Amino acid sequence: MCHKTSCSHCHKYTWVGCGNHIPSVMTKFPKEEWCTCEPKIEKGGEKYPPKGSMSSGSCELL
């Protein structure tokens, strides 16, 4: 299950988990509050922030 985390680079919201629930996690927050790091993840035709890290709260740049 995915849930929100904060990016240690830009300090905005991103997600962590399996990747199947990204839309349900991220659409709870305005896009202005989403992590701005790259590369974006595409899911269902929408682009989302990169997966965060559970241990550090940082974005994994894959």
PDB file of N, CA and C in Angstrom:
ATOM      1  N   MET A   1       0.839  -1.178   0.000  1.00  0.00           N
ATOM      2  CA  MET A   1       0.000   0.000   0.000  1.00  0.00           C
ATOM      3  C   MET A   1       0.887   1.244   0.000  1.00  0.00           C
ATOM      4  N   CYS A   2       0.529   2.224  -0.770  1.00  0.00           N
ATOM      5  CA  CYS A   2       1.286   3.473  -0.855  1.00  0.00           C
ATOM      6  C   CYS A   2       0.793   4.471   0.193  1.00  0.00           C
ATOM      7  N   HIS A   3       1.679   5.341   0.608  1.00  0.00           N
ATOM      8  CA  HIS A   3       1.309   6.447   1.488  1.00  0.00           C
ATOM      9  C   HIS A   3       2.248   7.621   1.231  1.00  0.00           C
ATOM     10  N   LYS A   4       1.900   8.786   1.782  1.00  0.00           N
ATOM     11  CA  LYS A   4       2.688   9.993   1.517  1.00  0.00           C
ATOM     12  C   LYS A   4       3.957  10.019   2.349  1.00  0.00           C
ATOM     13  N   THR A   5       4.923  10.736   1.836  1.00  0.00           N
ATOM     14  CA  THR A   5       6.151  11.041   2.546  1.00  0.00           C
ATOM     15  C   THR A   5       6.620  12.401   2.042  1.00  0.00           C
ATOM     16  N   SER A   6       7.588  12.981   2.698  1.00  0.00           N
ATOM     17  CA  SER A   6       8.127  14.276   2.273  1.00  0.00           C
ATOM     18  C   SER A   6       9.484  14.089   1.626  1.00  0.00           C
ATOM     19  N   CYS A   7       9.725  14.833   0.586  1.00  0.00           N
ATOM     20  CA  CYS A   7      10.999  14.798  -0.123  1.00  0.00           C
ATOM     21  C   CYS A   7      12.023  15.635   0.647  1.00  0.00           C
ATOM     22  N   SER A   8      13.202  15.076   0.885  1.00  0.00           N
ATOM     23  CA  SER A   8      14.229  15.837   1.609  1.00  0.00           C
ATOM     24  C   SER A   8      14.927  16.857   0.718  1.00  0.00           C
ATOM     25  N   HIS A   9      14.692  16.778  -0.604  1.00  0.00           N
ATOM     26  CA  HIS A   9      15.309  17.732  -1.530  1.00  0.00           C
ATOM     27  C   HIS A   9      14.464  18.996  -1.675  1.00  0.00           C
ATOM     28  N   CYS A  10      13.180  18.823  -1.980  1.00  0.00           N
ATOM     29  CA  CYS A  10      12.318  19.993  -2.214  1.00  0.00           C
ATOM     30  C   CYS A  10      11.313  20.205  -1.079  1.00  0.00           C
ATOM     31  N   HIS A  11      11.248  19.264  -0.134  1.00  0.00           N
ATOM     32  CA  HIS A  11      10.390  19.352   1.055  1.00  0.00           C
ATOM     33  C   HIS A  11       8.896  19.356   0.749  1.00  0.00           C
ATOM     34  N   LYS A  12       8.540  18.803  -0.392  1.00  0.00           N
ATOM     35  CA  LYS A  12       7.128  18.699  -0.753  1.00  0.00           C
ATOM     36  C   LYS A  12       6.708  17.235  -0.695  1.00  0.00           C
ATOM     37  N   TYR A  13       5.403  16.979  -0.924  1.00  0.00           N
ATOM     38  CA  TYR A  13       4.871  15.626  -0.807  1.00  0.00           C
ATOM     39  C   TYR A  13       5.230  14.743  -1.993  1.00  0.00           C
ATOM     40  N   THR A  14       5.553  13.501  -1.678  1.00  0.00           N
ATOM     41  CA  THR A  14       5.704  12.445  -2.664  1.00  0.00           C
ATOM     42  C   THR A  14       5.104  11.189  -2.063  1.00  0.00           C
ATOM     43  N   TRP A  15       5.333  10.056  -2.651  1.00  0.00           N
ATOM     44  CA  TRP A  15       4.722   8.813  -2.199  1.00  0.00           C
ATOM     45  C   TRP A  15       5.789   7.753  -1.975  1.00  0.00           C
ATOM     46  N   VAL A  16       5.414   6.722  -1.239  1.00  0.00           N
ATOM     47  CA  VAL A  16       6.273   5.565  -1.016  1.00  0.00           C
ATOM     48  C   VAL A  16       5.371   4.338  -0.944  1.00  0.00           C
ATOM     49  N   GLY A  17       5.861   3.218  -1.403  1.00  0.00           N
ATOM     50  CA  GLY A  17       5.082   1.980  -1.362  1.00  0.00           C
ATOM     51  C   GLY A  17       5.194   1.204  -2.657  1.00  0.00           C
ATOM     52  N   CYS A  18       4.152   0.434  -2.960  1.00  0.00           N
ATOM     53  CA  CYS A  18       4.174  -0.498  -4.097  1.00  0.00           C
ATOM     54  C   CYS A  18       4.008   0.177  -5.455  1.00  0.00           C
ATOM     55  N   GLY A  19       3.433   1.365  -5.500  1.00  0.00           N
ATOM     56  CA  GLY A  19       3.225   2.069  -6.764  1.00  0.00           C
ATOM     57  C   GLY A  19       1.845   1.892  -7.356  1.00  0.00           C
ATOM     58  N   ASN A  20       1.047   0.989  -6.810  1.00  0.00           N
ATOM     59  CA  ASN A  20      -0.295   0.749  -7.341  1.00  0.00           C
ATOM     60  C   ASN A  20      -1.329   1.763  -6.866  1.00  0.00           C
ATOM     61  N   HIS A  21      -1.013   2.516  -5.830  1.00  0.00           N
ATOM     62  CA  HIS A  21      -1.985   3.429  -5.230  1.00  0.00           C
ATOM     63  C   HIS A  21      -1.548   4.891  -5.306  1.00  0.00           C
ATOM     64  N   ILE A  22      -0.637   5.204  -6.213  1.00  0.00           N
ATOM     65  CA  ILE A  22      -0.105   6.567  -6.324  1.00  0.00           C
ATOM     66  C   ILE A  22      -1.220   7.599  -6.489  1.00  0.00           C
ATOM     67  N   PRO A  23      -2.159   7.414  -7.416  1.00  0.00           N
ATOM     68  CA  PRO A  23      -3.208   8.429  -7.588  1.00  0.00           C
ATOM     69  C   PRO A  23      -4.031   8.668  -6.322  1.00  0.00           C
ATOM     70  N   SER A  24      -4.383   7.597  -5.607  1.00  0.00           N
ATOM     71  CA  SER A  24      -5.208   7.777  -4.410  1.00  0.00           C
ATOM     72  C   SER A  24      -4.458   8.499  -3.296  1.00  0.00           C
ATOM     73  N   VAL A  25      -3.139   8.384  -3.269  1.00  0.00           N
ATOM     74  CA  VAL A  25      -2.336   9.104  -2.278  1.00  0.00           C
ATOM     75  C   VAL A  25      -2.148  10.562  -2.697  1.00  0.00           C
ATOM     76  N   MET A  26      -1.704  10.779  -3.925  1.00  0.00           N
ATOM     77  CA  MET A  26      -1.294  12.117  -4.349  1.00  0.00           C
ATOM     78  C   MET A  26      -2.453  13.068  -4.624  1.00  0.00           C
ATOM     79  N   THR A  27      -3.596  12.559  -5.060  1.00  0.00           N
ATOM     80  CA  THR A  27      -4.707  13.465  -5.375  1.00  0.00           C
ATOM     81  C   THR A  27      -5.342  14.074  -4.135  1.00  0.00           C
ATOM     82  N   LYS A  28      -4.921  13.669  -2.959  1.00  0.00           N
ATOM     83  CA  LYS A  28      -5.406  14.276  -1.712  1.00  0.00           C
ATOM     84  C   LYS A  28      -4.770  15.643  -1.473  1.00  0.00           C
ATOM     85  N   PHE A  29      -3.707  15.941  -2.209  1.00  0.00           N
ATOM     86  CA  PHE A  29      -2.948  17.173  -2.014  1.00  0.00           C
ATOM     87  C   PHE A  29      -2.915  17.986  -3.301  1.00  0.00           C
ATOM     88  N   PRO A  30      -2.958  19.319  -3.197  1.00  0.00           N
ATOM     89  CA  PRO A  30      -2.860  20.154  -4.408  1.00  0.00           C
ATOM     90  C   PRO A  30      -1.527  19.912  -5.114  1.00  0.00           C
ATOM     91  N   LYS A  31      -1.531  19.978  -6.430  1.00  0.00           N
ATOM     92  CA  LYS A  31      -0.304  19.747  -7.207  1.00  0.00           C
ATOM     93  C   LYS A  31       0.810  20.712  -6.821  1.00  0.00           C
ATOM     94  N   GLU A  32       0.452  21.882  -6.335  1.00  0.00           N
ATOM     95  CA  GLU A  32       1.459  22.865  -5.910  1.00  0.00           C
ATOM     96  C   GLU A  32       2.270  22.349  -4.721  1.00  0.00           C
ATOM     97  N   GLU A  33       1.728  21.364  -3.989  1.00  0.00           N
ATOM     98  CA  GLU A  33       2.407  20.808  -2.823  1.00  0.00           C
ATOM     99  C   GLU A  33       3.157  19.514  -3.143  1.00  0.00           C
ATOM    100  N   TRP A  34       3.103  19.063  -4.413  1.00  0.00           N
ATOM    101  CA  TRP A  34       3.780  17.837  -4.821  1.00  0.00           C
ATOM    102  C   TRP A  34       5.277  18.077  -5.003  1.00  0.00           C
ATOM    103  N   CYS A  35       6.057  17.072  -4.734  1.00  0.00           N
ATOM    104  CA  CYS A  35       7.497  17.078  -4.987  1.00  0.00           C
ATOM    105  C   CYS A  35       7.765  17.487  -6.437  1.00  0.00           C
ATOM    106  N   THR A  36       8.765  18.305  -6.635  1.00  0.00           N
ATOM    107  CA  THR A  36       9.093  18.807  -7.974  1.00  0.00           C
ATOM    108  C   THR A  36      10.310  18.109  -8.591  1.00  0.00           C
ATOM    109  N   CYS A  37      10.834  17.077  -7.918  1.00  0.00           N
ATOM    110  CA  CYS A  37      12.006  16.358  -8.422  1.00  0.00           C
ATOM    111  C   CYS A  37      11.658  15.544  -9.669  1.00  0.00           C
ATOM    112  N   GLU A  38      12.668  15.186 -10.411  1.00  0.00           N
ATOM    113  CA  GLU A  38      12.544  14.379 -11.629  1.00  0.00           C
ATOM    114  C   GLU A  38      13.273  13.059 -11.413  1.00  0.00           C
ATOM    115  N   PRO A  39      12.980  12.032 -12.154  1.00  0.00           N
ATOM    116  CA  PRO A  39      11.982  11.925 -13.218  1.00  0.00           C
ATOM    117  C   PRO A  39      10.607  11.638 -12.636  1.00  0.00           C
ATOM    118  N   LYS A  40       9.580  12.078 -13.333  1.00  0.00           N
ATOM    119  CA  LYS A  40       8.203  11.838 -12.930  1.00  0.00           C
ATOM    120  C   LYS A  40       7.817  10.394 -13.247  1.00  0.00           C
ATOM    121  N   ILE A  41       6.814   9.901 -12.534  1.00  0.00           N
ATOM    122  CA  ILE A  41       6.254   8.567 -12.746  1.00  0.00           C
ATOM    123  C   ILE A  41       4.897   8.741 -13.414  1.00  0.00           C
ATOM    124  N   GLU A  42       4.650   8.029 -14.512  1.00  0.00           N
ATOM    125  CA  GLU A  42       3.356   8.136 -15.181  1.00  0.00           C
ATOM    126  C   GLU A  42       2.463   6.982 -14.749  1.00  0.00           C
ATOM    127  N   LYS A  43       1.247   7.320 -14.352  1.00  0.00           N
ATOM    128  CA  LYS A  43       0.268   6.329 -13.909  1.00  0.00           C
ATOM    129  C   LYS A  43      -1.100   6.790 -14.369  1.00  0.00           C
ATOM    130  N   GLY A  44      -1.759   6.013 -15.210  1.00  0.00           N
ATOM    131  CA  GLY A  44      -3.095   6.360 -15.686  1.00  0.00           C
ATOM    132  C   GLY A  44      -3.141   7.646 -16.487  1.00  0.00           C
ATOM    133  N   GLY A  45      -2.063   7.950 -17.213  1.00  0.00           N
ATOM    134  CA  GLY A  45      -2.014   9.151 -18.038  1.00  0.00           C
ATOM    135  C   GLY A  45      -1.655  10.417 -17.282  1.00  0.00           C
ATOM    136  N   GLU A  46      -1.405  10.328 -15.995  1.00  0.00           N
ATOM    137  CA  GLU A  46      -1.038  11.484 -15.159  1.00  0.00           C
ATOM    138  C   GLU A  46       0.402  11.303 -14.701  1.00  0.00           C
ATOM    139  N   LYS A  47       1.131  12.407 -14.551  1.00  0.00           N
ATOM    140  CA  LYS A  47       2.514  12.349 -14.075  1.00  0.00           C
ATOM    141  C   LYS A  47       2.559  12.689 -12.588  1.00  0.00           C
ATOM    142  N   TYR A  48       3.298  11.870 -11.853  1.00  0.00           N
ATOM    143  CA  TYR A  48       3.421  12.002 -10.405  1.00  0.00           C
ATOM    144  C   TYR A  48       4.890  12.131 -10.021  1.00  0.00           C
ATOM    145  N   PRO A  49       5.155  12.609  -8.799  1.00  0.00           N
ATOM    146  CA  PRO A  49       6.544  12.730  -8.346  1.00  0.00           C
ATOM    147  C   PRO A  49       7.231  11.367  -8.272  1.00  0.00           C
ATOM    148  N   PRO A  50       8.568  11.371  -8.233  1.00  0.00           N
ATOM    149  CA  PRO A  50       9.287  10.108  -8.081  1.00  0.00           C
ATOM    150  C   PRO A  50       9.010   9.496  -6.712  1.00  0.00           C
ATOM    151  N   LYS A  51       9.213   8.211  -6.620  1.00  0.00           N
ATOM    152  CA  LYS A  51       9.013   7.482  -5.370  1.00  0.00           C
ATOM    153  C   LYS A  51       9.972   7.992  -4.307  1.00  0.00           C
ATOM    154  N   GLY A  52       9.442   8.221  -3.123  1.00  0.00           N
ATOM    155  CA  GLY A  52      10.273   8.635  -2.005  1.00  0.00           C
ATOM    156  C   GLY A  52      10.891   7.434  -1.319  1.00  0.00           C
ATOM    157  N   SER A  53      11.749   7.698  -0.384  1.00  0.00           N
ATOM    158  CA  SER A  53      12.404   6.652   0.389  1.00  0.00           C
ATOM    159  C   SER A  53      11.802   6.619   1.783  1.00  0.00           C
ATOM    160  N   MET A  54      11.428   5.426   2.244  1.00  0.00           N
ATOM    161  CA  MET A  54      10.837   5.305   3.562  1.00  0.00           C
ATOM    162  C   MET A  54      11.821   5.670   4.661  1.00  0.00           C
ATOM    163  N   SER A  55      13.077   5.307   4.495  1.00  0.00           N
ATOM    164  CA  SER A  55      14.050   5.516   5.558  1.00  0.00           C
ATOM    165  C   SER A  55      14.486   6.965   5.698  1.00  0.00           C
ATOM    166  N   SER A  56      14.661   7.654   4.593  1.00  0.00           N
ATOM    167  CA  SER A  56      15.194   9.012   4.679  1.00  0.00           C
ATOM    168  C   SER A  56      14.185  10.088   4.318  1.00  0.00           C
ATOM    169  N   GLY A  57      13.064   9.699   3.712  1.00  0.00           N
ATOM    170  CA  GLY A  57      12.102  10.689   3.261  1.00  0.00           C
ATOM    171  C   GLY A  57      12.534  11.402   2.002  1.00  0.00           C
ATOM    172  N   SER A  58      13.597  10.927   1.371  1.00  0.00           N
ATOM    173  CA  SER A  58      14.083  11.592   0.165  1.00  0.00           C
ATOM    174  C   SER A  58      13.541  10.917  -1.082  1.00  0.00           C
ATOM    175  N   CYS A  59      13.656  11.586  -2.197  1.00  0.00           N
ATOM    176  CA  CYS A  59      13.203  11.026  -3.465  1.00  0.00           C
ATOM    177  C   CYS A  59      14.289  10.141  -4.047  1.00  0.00           C
ATOM    178  N   GLU A  60      13.871   9.001  -4.573  1.00  0.00           N
ATOM    179  CA  GLU A  60      14.792   8.135  -5.292  1.00  0.00           C
ATOM    180  C   GLU A  60      14.808   8.576  -6.732  1.00  0.00           C
ATOM    181  N   LEU A  61      15.903   9.030  -7.235  1.00  0.00           N
ATOM    182  CA  LEU A  61      15.992   9.427  -8.632  1.00  0.00           C
ATOM    183  C   LEU A  61      16.453   8.222  -9.423  1.00  0.00           C
ATOM    184  N   LEU A  62      15.491   7.544 -10.045  1.00  0.00           N
ATOM    185  CA  LEU A  62      15.771   6.296 -10.757  1.00  0.00           C
ATOM    186  C   LEU A  62      16.319   6.545 -12.130  1.00  0.00           C
TER     187      LEU A  62
END
